[in-house]
Protein backbone atom coordinates (compact mmCIF):
# COMPACT_ATOMS: atom_id res chain seq x y z
CA MET A 1 -9.04 14.38 11.48
CA LEU A 2 -10.60 11.11 10.23
CA THR A 3 -12.55 8.80 12.53
CA ILE A 4 -14.36 5.64 11.42
CA ARG A 5 -16.39 3.56 13.87
CA ASP A 6 -18.03 0.16 13.29
CA LEU A 7 -18.38 0.77 9.56
CA VAL A 8 -20.37 -1.80 7.59
CA LYS A 9 -21.04 -1.82 3.85
CA ARG A 10 -23.27 -4.67 2.75
CA TYR A 11 -24.34 -5.04 -0.87
CA ARG A 12 -27.68 -6.39 -2.09
CA ASP A 13 -26.26 -9.85 -2.69
CA GLY A 14 -25.27 -10.02 0.99
CA THR A 15 -21.54 -9.39 0.45
CA ARG A 16 -19.96 -7.36 3.24
CA ALA A 17 -17.24 -5.24 1.68
CA ASN A 18 -16.62 -3.63 5.08
CA ASP A 19 -17.54 -5.53 8.21
CA GLY A 20 -17.28 -3.47 11.40
CA ILE A 21 -14.21 -1.37 10.56
CA SER A 22 -12.89 1.14 13.10
CA LEU A 23 -9.80 3.29 12.55
CA SER A 24 -8.56 6.86 12.82
CA VAL A 25 -6.01 9.12 11.14
CA GLU A 26 -4.57 12.17 12.89
CA ALA A 27 -3.45 15.42 11.30
CA GLY A 28 0.19 15.08 10.20
CA GLU A 29 0.00 11.28 10.06
CA VAL A 30 0.42 8.86 7.14
CA VAL A 31 -1.54 5.65 7.70
CA GLY A 32 -1.03 2.75 5.30
CA LEU A 33 -3.97 0.48 4.51
CA LEU A 34 -2.71 -2.99 3.52
CA GLY A 35 -4.73 -5.88 2.21
CA HIS A 36 -5.16 -8.22 -0.75
CA ASN A 37 -7.56 -7.52 -3.62
CA GLY A 38 -11.14 -7.59 -2.37
CA ALA A 39 -10.23 -6.76 1.23
CA GLY A 40 -12.54 -3.71 1.16
CA LYS A 41 -9.96 -0.93 0.99
CA THR A 42 -11.34 0.99 -1.99
CA THR A 43 -14.91 0.66 -0.72
CA LEU A 44 -13.76 2.23 2.53
CA ILE A 45 -12.20 5.19 0.70
CA ASN A 46 -15.33 5.75 -1.39
CA GLN A 47 -17.47 5.93 1.75
CA VAL A 48 -15.17 8.48 3.39
CA ALA A 49 -15.35 10.60 0.23
CA GLY A 50 -19.14 10.52 0.28
CA LEU A 51 -19.35 8.52 -2.95
CA VAL A 52 -20.83 5.39 -1.35
CA VAL A 53 -23.35 5.31 1.51
CA PRO A 54 -22.47 2.90 4.36
CA THR A 55 -24.98 0.36 5.59
CA SER A 56 -24.20 1.26 9.20
CA GLY A 57 -21.51 2.84 11.36
CA THR A 58 -20.16 6.39 11.47
CA ILE A 59 -17.56 8.44 9.62
CA ARG A 60 -16.32 11.86 10.64
CA VAL A 61 -13.93 13.86 8.44
CA ASP A 62 -12.76 17.01 10.19
CA GLY A 63 -16.11 17.01 12.00
CA CYS A 64 -18.12 16.43 8.80
CA ASP A 65 -20.49 13.50 8.25
CA PRO A 66 -20.08 12.38 4.60
CA VAL A 67 -23.54 10.77 4.64
CA ALA A 68 -25.35 13.89 5.81
CA GLU A 69 -23.09 16.37 4.01
CA PRO A 70 -21.54 14.65 0.97
CA ALA A 71 -20.82 17.92 -0.85
CA ARG A 72 -18.91 19.30 2.13
CA ALA A 73 -17.09 15.99 2.56
CA ARG A 74 -15.80 16.20 -1.01
CA ARG A 75 -14.38 19.64 -0.24
CA VAL A 76 -12.67 18.40 2.91
CA VAL A 77 -11.32 15.24 1.27
CA SER A 78 -8.93 14.83 -1.68
CA VAL A 79 -8.87 11.47 -3.43
CA MET A 80 -6.34 9.90 -5.77
CA PRO A 81 -8.34 7.01 -7.28
CA GLN A 82 -6.96 3.58 -8.06
CA GLY A 83 -7.41 3.98 -11.82
CA HIS A 84 -5.52 6.28 -14.13
CA ALA A 85 -6.68 9.87 -14.47
CA PRO A 86 -8.70 10.62 -17.65
CA LEU A 87 -5.98 12.49 -19.55
CA THR A 88 -6.90 11.94 -23.21
CA GLY A 89 -6.13 15.20 -24.97
CA VAL A 90 -4.96 16.81 -21.71
CA THR A 91 -1.39 17.41 -20.54
CA PRO A 92 -0.18 16.88 -16.96
CA ARG A 93 0.28 20.63 -16.58
CA GLN A 94 -3.28 21.33 -17.71
CA ALA A 95 -4.75 18.57 -15.53
CA ILE A 96 -2.99 19.63 -12.33
CA ARG A 97 -3.61 23.34 -12.89
CA THR A 98 -7.31 22.73 -13.65
CA MET A 99 -7.76 20.71 -10.47
CA ALA A 100 -6.05 23.44 -8.44
CA ARG A 101 -8.51 25.97 -9.87
CA ILE A 102 -11.50 23.70 -9.19
CA ARG A 103 -10.32 23.33 -5.60
CA GLY A 104 -10.26 27.09 -5.12
CA LEU A 105 -6.83 28.50 -6.01
CA ASP A 106 -6.70 31.65 -8.13
CA LYS A 107 -5.05 31.56 -11.55
CA ARG A 108 -1.61 32.65 -10.36
CA ALA A 109 -1.52 30.38 -7.30
CA ALA A 110 -2.72 27.42 -9.38
CA ALA A 111 0.08 27.95 -11.89
CA GLU A 112 2.68 28.22 -9.12
CA ARG A 113 1.47 25.10 -7.34
CA THR A 114 1.40 23.19 -10.63
CA GLY A 115 5.00 24.17 -11.32
CA GLU A 116 6.04 23.07 -7.83
CA LEU A 117 4.53 19.63 -8.27
CA ILE A 118 5.92 19.15 -11.77
CA ASP A 119 9.41 19.96 -10.50
CA ALA A 120 9.09 17.89 -7.31
CA LEU A 121 7.91 14.80 -9.23
CA ASP A 122 10.37 15.29 -12.13
CA LEU A 123 7.55 15.58 -14.67
CA GLY A 124 9.07 18.41 -16.69
CA THR A 125 9.89 16.29 -19.75
CA TRP A 126 6.24 15.23 -20.09
CA ALA A 127 4.46 18.24 -18.57
CA ASP A 128 3.09 19.40 -21.93
CA THR A 129 2.53 15.98 -23.52
CA THR A 130 -1.05 14.81 -23.92
CA GLY A 131 -2.20 11.86 -21.85
CA GLU A 132 -2.52 9.29 -24.62
CA ARG A 133 1.25 9.53 -25.18
CA LEU A 134 2.19 9.11 -21.51
CA SER A 135 3.35 5.97 -19.72
CA GLY A 136 1.31 4.49 -16.90
CA GLY A 137 3.80 5.75 -14.34
CA ILE A 138 3.63 9.35 -15.55
CA ARG A 139 -0.16 9.16 -15.53
CA ARG A 140 -0.06 7.96 -11.92
CA LEU A 141 2.21 10.84 -10.94
CA THR A 142 -0.13 13.25 -12.68
CA ALA A 143 -3.07 11.78 -10.76
CA TYR A 144 -1.18 12.40 -7.53
CA GLY A 145 -0.47 15.96 -8.63
CA MET A 146 -4.19 16.50 -9.23
CA ALA A 147 -5.03 15.22 -5.73
CA ALA A 148 -2.26 17.29 -4.11
CA ALA A 149 -2.80 20.50 -6.11
CA GLU A 150 -4.99 21.96 -3.37
CA PRO A 151 -5.59 19.05 -0.99
CA GLY A 152 -8.35 18.77 1.56
CA ARG A 153 -7.69 18.25 5.25
CA VAL A 154 -7.76 14.50 4.54
CA ALA A 155 -5.91 13.07 1.51
CA MET A 156 -6.72 9.51 0.44
CA LEU A 157 -4.37 7.89 -2.04
CA ASP A 158 -5.31 4.55 -3.63
CA GLU A 159 -2.20 2.66 -4.84
CA PRO A 160 -0.24 5.88 -5.58
CA THR A 161 3.04 4.18 -6.57
CA ASN A 162 1.62 1.66 -9.07
CA ASP A 163 3.57 1.73 -12.37
CA VAL A 164 5.93 4.44 -11.08
CA ASP A 165 9.65 3.87 -11.67
CA PRO A 166 11.92 3.52 -8.58
CA VAL A 167 13.49 6.99 -8.87
CA ARG A 168 10.21 8.89 -9.12
CA ARG A 169 8.65 6.58 -6.55
CA ARG A 170 11.07 8.04 -4.01
CA LEU A 171 10.15 11.55 -5.10
CA LEU A 172 6.48 10.67 -4.71
CA TRP A 173 7.00 9.36 -1.17
CA ARG A 174 8.74 12.62 -0.27
CA GLN A 175 5.72 14.55 -1.47
CA ILE A 176 3.36 12.30 0.49
CA ARG A 177 5.41 12.95 3.62
CA ALA A 178 5.39 16.68 2.84
CA LEU A 179 1.57 16.57 2.73
CA ALA A 180 1.50 15.16 6.25
CA ASP A 181 4.13 17.61 7.46
CA ARG A 182 1.81 20.44 6.36
CA GLY A 183 -0.87 19.10 8.69
CA HIS A 184 -2.95 16.92 6.36
CA ALA A 185 -4.12 13.47 7.40
CA VAL A 186 -3.09 10.90 4.77
CA LEU A 187 -4.76 7.50 4.33
CA LEU A 188 -2.85 5.47 1.76
CA VAL A 189 -3.88 2.16 0.18
CA THR A 190 -1.02 -0.06 -0.97
CA HIS A 191 -0.08 -3.67 -1.70
CA ASN A 192 3.61 -2.94 -1.35
CA VAL A 193 4.49 -4.17 2.12
CA VAL A 194 8.13 -3.08 2.05
CA GLU A 195 7.26 0.47 0.96
CA ALA A 196 4.67 0.71 3.71
CA GLU A 197 7.13 -0.58 6.29
CA ARG A 198 9.62 2.18 5.61
CA SER A 199 7.34 5.06 4.62
CA VAL A 200 4.22 5.28 6.79
CA ASP A 201 3.65 6.12 10.44
CA ARG A 202 1.08 3.46 11.19
CA ILE A 203 -0.27 0.43 9.34
CA VAL A 204 -3.76 -1.07 9.22
CA VAL A 205 -4.01 -4.60 7.78
CA MET A 206 -7.39 -5.51 6.29
CA GLY A 207 -8.83 -8.83 5.20
CA ALA A 208 -12.36 -9.92 4.28
CA GLY A 209 -13.66 -6.45 5.11
CA LYS A 210 -12.26 -6.43 8.65
CA VAL A 211 -9.29 -4.83 10.40
CA LEU A 212 -6.96 -7.74 11.19
CA ALA A 213 -4.21 -5.74 12.92
CA GLU A 214 -2.88 -2.21 13.27
CA GLY A 215 0.13 -0.46 14.74
CA THR A 216 3.56 0.80 13.80
CA ALA A 217 5.81 -1.39 11.66
CA ALA A 218 7.82 -2.31 14.76
CA GLN A 219 4.69 -3.25 16.71
CA LEU A 220 3.44 -5.47 13.90
CA ARG A 221 6.84 -7.09 13.35
CA SER A 222 6.83 -8.18 16.99
CA ARG A 223 3.90 -10.49 16.15
CA ALA A 224 6.01 -12.60 13.77
CA PRO A 225 7.52 -15.87 14.99
CA GLY A 226 11.32 -16.04 15.11
CA ASP A 227 13.98 -13.43 14.51
CA LEU A 228 15.13 -14.65 11.09
CA ARG A 229 13.65 -16.22 7.98
CA LEU A 230 15.43 -18.89 5.94
CA GLU A 231 14.31 -18.68 2.30
CA LEU A 232 14.86 -21.60 -0.07
CA THR A 233 14.15 -21.86 -3.80
CA ALA A 234 13.75 -25.42 -5.06
CA ALA A 235 15.58 -26.56 -8.19
CA VAL A 236 12.43 -28.39 -9.34
CA PRO A 237 8.84 -27.20 -8.66
CA ASP A 238 6.95 -29.13 -5.97
CA ARG A 239 10.16 -30.76 -4.71
CA LEU A 240 10.98 -28.71 -1.67
CA PRO A 241 13.04 -30.47 1.00
CA GLU A 242 11.64 -31.65 4.32
CA LEU A 243 12.80 -29.76 7.39
CA PRO A 244 15.49 -31.70 9.28
CA ALA A 245 15.00 -32.58 12.94
CA ARG A 246 18.21 -30.72 13.86
CA LEU A 247 16.79 -27.36 12.69
CA PRO A 248 14.68 -25.72 15.44
CA VAL A 249 11.91 -23.69 13.83
CA GLU A 250 9.76 -20.98 15.42
CA GLY A 251 6.58 -21.60 13.46
CA PRO A 252 5.13 -23.23 10.35
CA PRO A 253 6.92 -22.41 7.09
CA LEU A 254 5.25 -20.49 4.26
CA VAL A 255 5.39 -22.70 1.17
CA THR A 256 4.65 -22.29 -2.54
CA SER A 257 5.53 -24.68 -5.37
CA ARG A 258 9.17 -23.57 -5.50
CA ARG A 259 9.77 -21.50 -2.40
CA MET A 260 9.86 -22.06 1.32
CA ALA A 261 10.27 -19.45 4.06
CA VAL A 262 11.09 -20.90 7.49
CA PRO A 263 11.00 -18.77 10.68
CA ILE A 264 13.94 -19.49 12.98
CA ALA A 265 15.56 -17.98 16.07
CA SER A 266 18.86 -16.16 15.67
CA GLY A 267 20.63 -18.92 17.63
CA ALA A 268 19.78 -21.40 14.86
CA ALA A 269 21.37 -19.33 12.08
CA SER A 270 24.53 -21.42 11.68
CA THR A 271 22.56 -24.68 11.61
CA ALA A 272 20.16 -23.26 9.03
CA LEU A 273 22.94 -22.01 6.77
CA ALA A 274 24.83 -25.31 6.97
CA TRP A 275 21.70 -27.26 6.00
CA ALA A 276 20.89 -24.87 3.13
CA GLN A 277 24.45 -25.18 1.80
CA GLU A 278 24.15 -28.97 1.88
CA LEU A 279 20.93 -28.74 -0.16
CA ARG A 280 22.51 -26.49 -2.76
CA ASP A 281 25.61 -28.70 -3.03
CA ALA A 282 23.28 -31.63 -3.65
CA GLY A 283 21.39 -29.70 -6.36
CA GLN A 284 18.07 -29.75 -4.46
CA ILE A 285 17.79 -25.96 -4.30
CA ASP A 286 18.92 -23.17 -6.61
CA GLU A 287 19.46 -20.51 -3.96
CA PHE A 288 18.93 -19.62 -0.32
CA ALA A 289 18.99 -16.55 1.90
CA LEU A 290 18.80 -15.78 5.60
CA VAL A 291 17.06 -12.47 6.25
CA PRO A 292 15.61 -10.63 9.27
CA VAL A 293 11.89 -11.09 9.87
CA GLY A 294 9.96 -8.15 8.42
CA LEU A 295 6.48 -6.79 8.12
CA GLU A 296 5.90 -8.98 5.08
CA ASP A 297 6.05 -12.07 7.31
CA VAL A 298 3.36 -10.64 9.56
CA TYR A 299 1.23 -9.65 6.58
CA LEU A 300 1.35 -13.14 5.10
CA GLN A 301 0.59 -14.63 8.50
CA LEU A 302 -2.50 -12.42 8.81
CA VAL A 303 -3.97 -12.66 5.30
CA GLY A 304 -3.05 -16.28 4.61
CA GLY A 305 -1.82 -17.65 1.30
CA GLU A 306 -3.60 -15.37 -1.16
CA ASP A 307 -0.59 -13.10 -1.62
CA THR A 308 2.21 -15.53 -0.90
CA PRO A 309 5.41 -15.11 -2.93
CA GLY A 310 4.96 -16.38 -6.47
CA GLY A 311 1.19 -16.67 -6.09
CA PRO A 312 -1.65 -14.67 -7.66
CA GLY A 313 -1.22 -10.94 -7.30
CA THR A 314 2.56 -11.00 -6.93
CA GLU A 315 5.17 -9.28 -9.02
CA GLU A 316 8.27 -11.43 -8.97
CA GLY A 317 9.99 -8.89 -11.22
CA GLU A 318 10.11 -6.32 -8.39
CA LYS A 319 12.22 -8.29 -5.93
CA GLY A 320 13.96 -5.13 -4.86
CA ASP A 321 10.70 -3.77 -3.49
CA SER A 322 8.63 -6.61 -2.14
CA LEU A 323 7.69 -10.22 -2.61
CA VAL A 324 4.08 -9.06 -2.39
CA ALA A 325 2.67 -6.84 -5.11
């Protein structure tokens, strides 16, 4: 449904936003595009939608070339942009229904589809409230509703769950899966590694305009060193303990000013826990945890320290979702 080959987008100042990207998305598939800010994800989406012309490479969307046929590409593709929908003076119901009409549904079908989406996303309380009185999360859900009102064969969603509360985030993921189940190809940009791990079919990790890795969550997790990760939080910033010789590690630890994540084999679990307990008893650390290695470990290994826990771009307040924003 969507095929991209050797795509390059170079700006006048020489910056390569996309540098030889190749990927594909099949009908009925949800592909997650992961990467830190500036990795080239949004530029990629804009080229597929026919909004930006690539420097070189090819894009095919359901057989259409967005460069040669940008108007047709915009009919075949539905886009949920990264920013909030322009809803000043417009209610969610009006916005979704209008987009359904623009995309070709008749008046009755547009009203029915709008009602379905409002119910599915639990927007009823705010359905007839104008945009300037809506929270960021409700505006994001409305933007999704506009993209899904009468979607193209390819749906591209840029950070769809930003600002959305946990309950409606689950409802949103169900609707994204329903899109794929109806035969649409879904390309989804996200920073939320944990959500991607449990919600998409395949993951593409981008960095510096390139594809760094791709595969299922299980395939990518197999790249991580060790079976477990020992996480330590120092009592005082910049005073993390040194690793003891008795603790066999499977790779270099990820370290910030207060946190350390050490990859270890499952056979070293008891040794790791005993050492961590000693540190806490001595007041050197505030807390520790031993957790299975996940996709987040692979992501941090691939992109480096830009999105490490506690660093720029993170949301420490959402520990239930991900250490990476």
